[in-house]
Amino acid sequence: MPGWQPDLVRTSPFLGSVAVQESCPDPAGHWITISGTCDTRETILKRDGASVVTSSSCAATSGSWYSPYDGATWSAASDVDIDHLVPLSEAWGSGAYGWTAAKREQFANDRTRPQLIAVTDNVNQSKGDQDPGTWWPSRTAYKCTYARAWVQVKHCYGLSVDSTEKSALTSVLNGC
């Protein structure tokens, strides 16, 4: 209705009956122990790095990491994040909200699919929770790989895509 404005006095009593969408559980502390003292992050740093040396507590003390998102190479593990290719909150909104805690933990620590990848920390932070409808790696040569990996992860976990995400993926994949 053009020009119609809700009346605060008449609408505020109804707010209590509006369903609240549960948000994605806090992902802090989601890395699990893989072997000894090595957690998922440390395991991915070793997998994706070159000449990685670790301390007795499994922390990467030296090595080299190439970020396929932007083509940068880093010599300090602190400059590298482990990206969840399909971000945890994106997964939550695409169907993970119905998963058990164990399945969410499996997804967050999945080393068998292209879900976890070592990348430049500030690039990962700028990506945040975005999907391909709004974010792509800056390195053009990696976009086809990224799109294929995204589809593989979403398909494997039975996660949905929205129309903007699907359109962006289709556009990139048609050019591969």
Protein backbone atom coordinates (compact mmCIF):
# COMPACT_ATOMS: atom_id res chain seq x y z
CA MET A 1 0.00 0.00 0.00
CA PRO A 2 1.67 3.23 -1.11
CA GLY A 3 2.05 5.73 1.71
CA TRP A 4 1.10 3.24 4.40
CA GLN A 5 3.24 3.43 7.52
CA PRO A 6 3.05 0.90 10.35
CA ASP A 7 1.80 2.28 13.64
CA LEU A 8 4.36 1.57 16.38
CA VAL A 9 1.72 1.37 19.11
CA ARG A 10 -0.33 -1.17 17.16
CA THR A 11 2.59 -3.25 15.85
CA SER A 12 4.92 -3.49 18.86
CA PRO A 13 2.73 -6.04 20.75
CA PHE A 14 3.09 -8.42 17.79
CA LEU A 15 6.88 -8.42 17.87
CA GLY A 16 6.87 -11.08 20.58
CA SER A 17 5.07 -13.50 18.27
CA VAL A 18 7.51 -13.10 15.37
CA ALA A 19 9.81 -16.12 14.99
CA VAL A 20 13.50 -15.43 15.48
CA GLN A 21 15.84 -17.07 12.98
CA GLU A 22 18.65 -18.71 14.90
CA SER A 23 22.01 -17.43 13.72
CA CYS A 24 25.01 -19.52 12.85
CA PRO A 25 26.69 -20.93 15.95
CA ASP A 26 29.90 -19.15 16.89
CA PRO A 27 32.65 -20.86 14.87
CA ALA A 28 35.35 -19.92 17.41
CA GLY A 29 37.19 -23.01 18.52
CA HIS A 30 35.87 -25.12 15.67
CA TRP A 31 39.24 -26.63 14.75
CA ILE A 32 39.55 -30.21 15.96
CA THR A 33 42.68 -32.17 16.86
CA ILE A 34 43.86 -34.23 13.89
CA SER A 35 46.96 -35.91 15.29
CA GLY A 36 48.88 -35.40 18.53
CA THR A 37 48.78 -31.65 19.16
CA CYS A 38 48.05 -30.73 15.53
CA ASP A 39 44.64 -29.25 14.83
CA THR A 40 42.94 -28.74 11.48
CA ARG A 41 44.50 -25.30 10.89
CA GLU A 42 48.01 -26.59 11.49
CA THR A 43 47.35 -29.64 9.32
CA ILE A 44 46.17 -27.46 6.41
CA LEU A 45 49.16 -25.13 6.85
CA LYS A 46 51.46 -28.15 6.47
CA ARG A 47 49.45 -29.54 3.54
CA ASP A 48 49.29 -26.28 1.59
CA GLY A 49 52.75 -24.98 2.47
CA ALA A 50 56.23 -25.74 1.19
CA SER A 51 59.16 -26.62 3.45
CA VAL A 52 56.98 -26.14 6.54
CA VAL A 53 58.78 -26.59 9.84
CA THR A 54 56.72 -26.99 13.01
CA SER A 55 57.44 -26.67 16.70
CA SER A 56 56.88 -29.47 19.22
CA SER A 57 53.38 -28.03 19.71
CA CYS A 58 52.73 -28.28 15.94
CA ALA A 59 52.81 -24.52 15.29
CA ALA A 60 54.30 -23.62 11.91
CA THR A 61 57.58 -21.81 12.64
CA SER A 62 58.73 -21.41 9.06
CA GLY A 63 57.73 -22.28 5.55
CA SER A 64 56.19 -20.76 2.47
CA TRP A 65 52.53 -20.45 1.51
CA TYR A 66 51.14 -19.52 -1.89
CA SER A 67 47.65 -18.03 -1.89
CA PRO A 68 45.76 -19.01 -5.06
CA TYR A 69 43.18 -16.28 -4.43
CA ASP A 70 45.61 -13.40 -5.04
CA GLY A 71 48.88 -15.02 -6.14
CA ALA A 72 50.82 -13.83 -3.07
CA THR A 73 53.45 -15.95 -1.33
CA TRP A 74 53.97 -15.67 2.41
CA SER A 75 56.79 -16.83 4.69
CA ALA A 76 54.97 -16.32 8.00
CA ALA A 77 52.04 -18.53 8.99
CA SER A 78 50.51 -15.49 10.71
CA ASP A 79 49.96 -13.96 7.25
CA VAL A 80 47.85 -16.94 6.21
CA ASP A 81 44.26 -17.83 7.10
CA ILE A 82 42.58 -21.15 6.48
CA ASP A 83 39.56 -20.23 4.39
CA HIS A 84 36.36 -22.20 4.58
CA LEU A 85 35.69 -22.02 0.85
CA VAL A 86 31.96 -22.17 1.63
CA PRO A 87 31.89 -19.98 4.75
CA LEU A 88 30.33 -21.45 7.85
CA SER A 89 27.53 -18.87 8.00
CA GLU A 90 26.87 -19.30 4.26
CA ALA A 91 26.50 -23.03 4.87
CA TRP A 92 24.20 -22.32 7.82
CA GLY A 93 21.88 -20.24 5.65
CA SER A 94 22.03 -22.85 2.87
CA GLY A 95 20.90 -25.78 4.99
CA ALA A 96 23.46 -26.49 7.72
CA TYR A 97 21.03 -25.05 10.29
CA GLY A 98 19.35 -28.46 10.20
CA TRP A 99 22.54 -30.42 10.83
CA THR A 100 23.71 -32.00 14.04
CA ALA A 101 26.63 -30.40 15.87
CA ALA A 102 28.78 -33.35 14.76
CA LYS A 103 27.99 -32.76 11.07
CA ARG A 104 28.72 -29.02 11.43
CA GLU A 105 32.06 -29.89 13.02
CA GLN A 106 32.80 -32.32 10.17
CA PHE A 107 32.01 -29.59 7.62
CA ALA A 108 34.19 -27.02 9.43
CA ASN A 109 37.12 -29.45 9.46
CA ASP A 110 36.66 -31.23 6.11
CA ARG A 111 40.11 -32.01 4.69
CA THR A 112 38.84 -34.42 2.01
CA ARG A 113 37.04 -31.90 -0.18
CA PRO A 114 38.25 -28.48 -1.40
CA GLN A 115 36.58 -26.82 1.61
CA LEU A 116 39.72 -25.68 3.44
CA ILE A 117 42.53 -23.75 1.79
CA ALA A 118 45.44 -21.63 3.01
CA VAL A 119 45.09 -18.08 1.65
CA THR A 120 46.26 -14.52 2.34
CA ASP A 121 44.71 -13.49 5.66
CA ASN A 122 43.36 -10.08 4.62
CA VAL A 123 41.89 -11.54 1.41
CA ASN A 124 40.05 -14.14 3.45
CA GLN A 125 38.86 -11.45 5.85
CA SER A 126 37.58 -9.31 2.97
CA LYS A 127 35.71 -12.34 1.61
CA GLY A 128 34.07 -12.87 4.98
CA ASP A 129 30.81 -14.78 4.62
CA GLN A 130 30.21 -13.86 0.98
CA ASP A 131 29.24 -16.31 -1.75
CA PRO A 132 30.10 -16.09 -5.47
CA GLY A 133 27.14 -13.78 -6.01
CA THR A 134 29.22 -11.02 -4.39
CA TRP A 135 32.83 -12.23 -4.09
CA TRP A 136 35.43 -13.91 -6.31
CA PRO A 137 39.19 -14.37 -5.91
CA SER A 138 41.03 -11.49 -7.59
CA ARG A 139 43.26 -13.90 -9.52
CA THR A 140 41.31 -14.58 -12.73
CA ALA A 141 43.21 -17.83 -13.40
CA TYR A 142 41.74 -19.31 -10.21
CA LYS A 143 38.07 -18.46 -10.77
CA CYS A 144 37.19 -21.71 -12.60
CA THR A 145 38.85 -23.79 -9.88
CA TYR A 146 37.05 -21.78 -7.20
CA ALA A 147 33.66 -22.19 -8.93
CA ARG A 148 34.14 -25.94 -9.38
CA ALA A 149 35.23 -26.35 -5.76
CA TRP A 150 32.25 -24.30 -4.53
CA VAL A 151 29.80 -26.46 -6.45
CA GLN A 152 31.52 -29.67 -5.28
CA VAL A 153 31.29 -28.67 -1.61
CA LYS A 154 27.70 -27.44 -1.86
CA HIS A 155 26.67 -30.62 -3.72
CA CYS A 156 28.48 -32.99 -1.35
CA TYR A 157 26.79 -31.46 1.69
CA GLY A 158 23.38 -30.98 0.07
CA LEU A 159 23.50 -27.21 0.52
CA SER A 160 21.34 -24.89 -1.54
CA VAL A 161 22.38 -21.94 -3.71
CA ASP A 162 20.45 -18.72 -4.12
CA SER A 163 19.63 -17.29 -7.55
CA THR A 164 22.43 -14.66 -7.51
CA GLU A 165 24.98 -17.26 -6.46
CA LYS A 166 23.80 -19.71 -9.14
CA SER A 167 23.88 -17.04 -11.83
CA ALA A 168 27.44 -16.01 -10.93
CA LEU A 169 28.64 -19.62 -10.82
CA THR A 170 26.97 -20.40 -14.16
CA SER A 171 28.55 -17.35 -15.76
CA VAL A 172 32.05 -18.31 -14.63
CA LEU A 173 31.68 -22.03 -15.36
CA ASN A 174 30.39 -21.32 -18.88
CA GLY A 175 33.72 -19.61 -19.55
CA CYS A 176 35.88 -22.44 -18.23
